[in-house]
Amino acid sequence: MIKKKNNSIQMREIRGKIDKIDSKILPLMVKRSQLVSMALKLKTKKSEIVDLKRINQIKRKVTKQSKKMGANPKLISSIWMSIIKNFIDYEKKNFKK
């Protein structure tokens, strides 16, 4: 069975709002990636790439803040951990010391 696309006015409005949010997130992710690259240059050992203490600190902060904002803390934390994992993978591939 083929599902029909939902092209209702309401769906288009919601998607438009998502697109506006995405256009705000993208420059922040680019800036974050630039900062990660700068931090990577300061690391002298590959073992410095994964800082579990910092990761756990970030996870607790994101969970706490997302709860305060009325969001699903498990979902937001999972998204955040995915971002962190991707940057760790980037750092591991680009570590040159």
N, C-alpha and C. Protein backbone atom coordinates (compact mmCIF):
# COMPACT_ATOMS: atom_id res chain seq x y z
N MET A 1 0.84 -1.19 0.00
CA MET A 1 0.00 0.00 0.00
C MET A 1 0.88 1.25 0.00
N ILE A 2 0.59 2.18 -0.86
CA ILE A 2 1.35 3.42 -0.95
C ILE A 2 0.65 4.49 -0.13
N LYS A 3 1.44 5.10 0.75
CA LYS A 3 0.86 6.17 1.57
C LYS A 3 0.83 7.46 0.78
N LYS A 4 -0.20 8.22 0.96
CA LYS A 4 -0.34 9.51 0.30
C LYS A 4 0.38 10.57 1.13
N LYS A 5 1.11 11.44 0.45
CA LYS A 5 1.80 12.52 1.14
C LYS A 5 0.80 13.47 1.79
N ASN A 6 1.20 14.00 2.93
CA ASN A 6 0.34 14.96 3.62
C ASN A 6 0.77 16.36 3.19
N ASN A 7 0.05 16.94 2.27
CA ASN A 7 0.37 18.28 1.76
C ASN A 7 -0.63 19.31 2.23
N SER A 8 -1.21 19.08 3.40
CA SER A 8 -2.19 20.02 3.90
C SER A 8 -1.52 21.36 4.19
N ILE A 9 -2.32 22.39 4.26
CA ILE A 9 -1.82 23.73 4.58
C ILE A 9 -1.12 23.71 5.93
N GLN A 10 -1.72 23.02 6.89
CA GLN A 10 -1.14 22.95 8.23
C GLN A 10 0.25 22.28 8.19
N MET A 11 0.38 21.19 7.42
CA MET A 11 1.67 20.50 7.31
C MET A 11 2.70 21.40 6.65
N ARG A 12 2.32 22.12 5.61
CA ARG A 12 3.25 23.04 4.94
C ARG A 12 3.70 24.14 5.89
N GLU A 13 2.79 24.63 6.72
CA GLU A 13 3.14 25.67 7.70
C GLU A 13 4.13 25.13 8.73
N ILE A 14 3.88 23.93 9.21
CA ILE A 14 4.78 23.32 10.20
C ILE A 14 6.16 23.11 9.59
N ARG A 15 6.18 22.58 8.37
CA ARG A 15 7.47 22.35 7.70
C ARG A 15 8.20 23.66 7.45
N GLY A 16 7.47 24.70 7.14
CA GLY A 16 8.08 26.02 6.96
C GLY A 16 8.72 26.51 8.25
N LYS A 17 8.06 26.27 9.37
CA LYS A 17 8.61 26.66 10.67
C LYS A 17 9.85 25.84 11.00
N ILE A 18 9.82 24.55 10.66
CA ILE A 18 10.99 23.70 10.87
C ILE A 18 12.16 24.22 10.03
N ASP A 19 11.89 24.57 8.79
CA ASP A 19 12.94 25.10 7.91
C ASP A 19 13.57 26.37 8.48
N LYS A 20 12.75 27.25 9.07
CA LYS A 20 13.27 28.48 9.68
C LYS A 20 14.17 28.16 10.87
N ILE A 21 13.77 27.19 11.67
CA ILE A 21 14.60 26.78 12.81
C ILE A 21 15.90 26.17 12.30
N ASP A 22 15.81 25.31 11.28
CA ASP A 22 17.02 24.69 10.71
C ASP A 22 17.99 25.75 10.19
N SER A 23 17.46 26.83 9.62
CA SER A 23 18.34 27.88 9.10
C SER A 23 19.04 28.63 10.23
N LYS A 24 18.51 28.53 11.45
CA LYS A 24 19.18 29.12 12.62
C LYS A 24 20.17 28.14 13.24
N ILE A 25 19.84 26.86 13.19
CA ILE A 25 20.72 25.83 13.76
C ILE A 25 21.99 25.68 12.93
N LEU A 26 21.88 25.70 11.61
CA LEU A 26 23.02 25.45 10.74
C LEU A 26 24.22 26.36 11.03
N PRO A 27 24.04 27.69 11.08
CA PRO A 27 25.21 28.54 11.38
C PRO A 27 25.82 28.23 12.75
N LEU A 28 25.01 27.83 13.71
CA LEU A 28 25.53 27.49 15.03
C LEU A 28 26.34 26.19 14.96
N MET A 29 25.88 25.23 14.17
CA MET A 29 26.64 23.99 14.00
C MET A 29 27.96 24.25 13.27
N VAL A 30 27.94 25.15 12.30
CA VAL A 30 29.18 25.50 11.59
C VAL A 30 30.16 26.14 12.58
N LYS A 31 29.68 27.05 13.40
CA LYS A 31 30.53 27.70 14.41
C LYS A 31 31.06 26.66 15.40
N ARG A 32 30.20 25.75 15.81
CA ARG A 32 30.62 24.69 16.74
C ARG A 32 31.73 23.85 16.11
N SER A 33 31.57 23.51 14.83
CA SER A 33 32.58 22.70 14.15
C SER A 33 33.91 23.45 14.06
N GLN A 34 33.85 24.76 13.87
CA GLN A 34 35.08 25.56 13.84
C GLN A 34 35.77 25.55 15.20
N LEU A 35 34.99 25.65 16.27
CA LEU A 35 35.55 25.61 17.61
C LEU A 35 36.13 24.24 17.93
N VAL A 36 35.47 23.18 17.49
CA VAL A 36 35.99 21.83 17.68
C VAL A 36 37.32 21.69 16.96
N SER A 37 37.43 22.23 15.76
CA SER A 37 38.69 22.18 15.01
C SER A 37 39.79 22.94 15.75
N MET A 38 39.44 24.07 16.33
CA MET A 38 40.42 24.84 17.11
C MET A 38 40.87 24.05 18.34
N ALA A 39 39.92 23.42 19.02
CA ALA A 39 40.25 22.61 20.20
C ALA A 39 41.13 21.43 19.81
N LEU A 40 40.85 20.82 18.67
CA LEU A 40 41.63 19.68 18.21
C LEU A 40 43.10 20.06 18.02
N LYS A 41 43.35 21.26 17.52
CA LYS A 41 44.73 21.72 17.32
C LYS A 41 45.50 21.82 18.63
N LEU A 42 44.79 22.01 19.74
CA LEU A 42 45.43 22.13 21.05
C LEU A 42 45.71 20.78 21.70
N LYS A 43 45.12 19.73 21.19
CA LYS A 43 45.28 18.41 21.77
C LYS A 43 46.58 17.78 21.28
N THR A 44 47.36 17.26 22.22
CA THR A 44 48.65 16.67 21.86
C THR A 44 48.61 15.15 21.80
N LYS A 45 47.58 14.55 22.41
CA LYS A 45 47.43 13.08 22.42
C LYS A 45 46.03 12.72 21.96
N LYS A 46 45.95 11.64 21.21
CA LYS A 46 44.65 11.19 20.72
C LYS A 46 43.71 10.85 21.89
N SER A 47 44.28 10.46 23.01
CA SER A 47 43.47 10.11 24.19
C SER A 47 42.72 11.32 24.76
N GLU A 48 43.14 12.53 24.37
CA GLU A 48 42.48 13.75 24.85
C GLU A 48 41.17 14.03 24.13
N ILE A 49 40.92 13.31 23.05
CA ILE A 49 39.72 13.57 22.24
C ILE A 49 38.45 13.25 23.02
N VAL A 50 38.42 12.13 23.71
CA VAL A 50 37.23 11.74 24.46
C VAL A 50 37.43 12.09 25.93
N ASP A 51 36.64 13.05 26.41
CA ASP A 51 36.69 13.48 27.80
C ASP A 51 35.35 13.11 28.44
N LEU A 52 35.32 11.93 29.05
CA LEU A 52 34.06 11.40 29.60
C LEU A 52 33.47 12.32 30.67
N LYS A 53 34.32 12.95 31.46
CA LYS A 53 33.83 13.86 32.49
C LYS A 53 33.06 15.02 31.84
N ARG A 54 33.63 15.58 30.80
CA ARG A 54 32.98 16.69 30.09
C ARG A 54 31.70 16.23 29.39
N ILE A 55 31.74 15.06 28.78
CA ILE A 55 30.57 14.53 28.09
C ILE A 55 29.42 14.33 29.08
N ASN A 56 29.71 13.74 30.24
CA ASN A 56 28.67 13.52 31.25
C ASN A 56 28.14 14.84 31.80
N GLN A 57 29.02 15.82 31.93
CA GLN A 57 28.61 17.16 32.39
C GLN A 57 27.63 17.78 31.38
N ILE A 58 27.96 17.68 30.11
CA ILE A 58 27.10 18.22 29.05
C ILE A 58 25.76 17.49 29.06
N LYS A 59 25.80 16.17 29.17
CA LYS A 59 24.57 15.37 29.15
C LYS A 59 23.64 15.75 30.30
N ARG A 60 24.22 15.92 31.49
CA ARG A 60 23.40 16.33 32.65
C ARG A 60 22.79 17.71 32.43
N LYS A 61 23.58 18.64 31.92
CA LYS A 61 23.10 20.00 31.68
C LYS A 61 21.99 20.02 30.64
N VAL A 62 22.17 19.30 29.54
CA VAL A 62 21.17 19.25 28.48
C VAL A 62 19.88 18.61 28.99
N THR A 63 20.01 17.54 29.75
CA THR A 63 18.82 16.87 30.31
C THR A 63 18.06 17.82 31.23
N LYS A 64 18.78 18.48 32.11
CA LYS A 64 18.16 19.41 33.07
C LYS A 64 17.49 20.58 32.34
N GLN A 65 18.19 21.18 31.39
CA GLN A 65 17.63 22.33 30.67
C GLN A 65 16.44 21.93 29.81
N SER A 66 16.51 20.76 29.18
CA SER A 66 15.39 20.35 28.33
C SER A 66 14.14 20.08 29.16
N LYS A 67 14.33 19.53 30.37
CA LYS A 67 13.19 19.32 31.27
C LYS A 67 12.55 20.66 31.61
N LYS A 68 13.38 21.65 31.96
CA LYS A 68 12.88 22.99 32.30
C LYS A 68 12.10 23.60 31.15
N MET A 69 12.50 23.28 29.93
CA MET A 69 11.86 23.86 28.75
C MET A 69 10.64 23.05 28.29
N GLY A 70 10.34 21.97 29.00
CA GLY A 70 9.17 21.17 28.65
C GLY A 70 9.37 20.21 27.50
N ALA A 71 10.63 19.91 27.21
CA ALA A 71 10.94 18.99 26.11
C ALA A 71 11.10 17.57 26.65
N ASN A 72 11.22 16.63 25.76
CA ASN A 72 11.48 15.25 26.12
C ASN A 72 12.99 15.12 26.37
N PRO A 73 13.42 15.01 27.64
CA PRO A 73 14.85 15.00 27.93
C PRO A 73 15.61 13.83 27.32
N LYS A 74 14.96 12.68 27.18
CA LYS A 74 15.63 11.53 26.56
C LYS A 74 15.90 11.78 25.09
N LEU A 75 14.93 12.36 24.41
CA LEU A 75 15.09 12.68 22.98
C LEU A 75 16.19 13.71 22.78
N ILE A 76 16.12 14.80 23.53
CA ILE A 76 17.09 15.88 23.37
C ILE A 76 18.50 15.40 23.74
N SER A 77 18.61 14.64 24.81
CA SER A 77 19.91 14.10 25.22
C SER A 77 20.47 13.17 24.15
N SER A 78 19.61 12.36 23.57
CA SER A 78 20.05 11.45 22.51
C SER A 78 20.57 12.22 21.30
N ILE A 79 19.87 13.27 20.92
CA ILE A 79 20.30 14.11 19.80
C ILE A 79 21.66 14.73 20.12
N TRP A 80 21.79 15.24 21.34
CA TRP A 80 23.03 15.89 21.76
C TRP A 80 24.20 14.90 21.74
N MET A 81 23.94 13.69 22.24
CA MET A 81 25.00 12.68 22.26
C MET A 81 25.40 12.29 20.84
N SER A 82 24.46 12.31 19.93
CA SER A 82 24.76 12.03 18.53
C SER A 82 25.68 13.12 17.95
N ILE A 83 25.39 14.35 18.29
CA ILE A 83 26.25 15.47 17.86
C ILE A 83 27.66 15.27 18.40
N ILE A 84 27.75 14.99 19.69
CA ILE A 84 29.05 14.80 20.33
C ILE A 84 29.80 13.64 19.68
N LYS A 85 29.11 12.52 19.47
CA LYS A 85 29.75 11.36 18.85
C LYS A 85 30.28 11.70 17.46
N ASN A 86 29.52 12.44 16.69
CA ASN A 86 29.97 12.80 15.35
C ASN A 86 31.20 13.71 15.39
N PHE A 87 31.25 14.62 16.35
CA PHE A 87 32.43 15.47 16.47
C PHE A 87 33.64 14.67 16.97
N ILE A 88 33.41 13.70 17.85
CA ILE A 88 34.51 12.83 18.30
C ILE A 88 35.06 12.05 17.10
N ASP A 89 34.17 11.50 16.29
CA ASP A 89 34.60 10.78 15.08
C ASP A 89 35.41 11.70 14.17
N TYR A 90 34.95 12.93 14.01
CA TYR A 90 35.66 13.92 13.19
C TYR A 90 37.06 14.17 13.75
N GLU A 91 37.13 14.36 15.08
CA GLU A 91 38.43 14.62 15.70
C GLU A 91 39.38 13.44 15.53
N LYS A 92 38.88 12.23 15.71
CA LYS A 92 39.72 11.04 15.58
C LYS A 92 40.28 10.91 14.17
N LYS A 93 39.45 11.22 13.18
CA LYS A 93 39.90 11.13 11.77
C LYS A 93 40.89 12.23 11.43
N ASN A 94 40.80 13.38 12.10
CA ASN A 94 41.63 14.52 11.74
C ASN A 94 42.77 14.79 12.70
N PHE A 95 42.96 13.93 13.70
CA PHE A 95 44.06 14.11 14.64
C PHE A 95 45.37 13.80 13.92
N LYS A 96 46.31 14.74 13.94
CA LYS A 96 47.56 14.56 13.20
C LYS A 96 48.76 14.93 14.06
N LYS A 97 49.00 14.15 15.11
CA LYS A 97 50.18 14.43 15.95
C LYS A 97 50.89 13.16 16.29
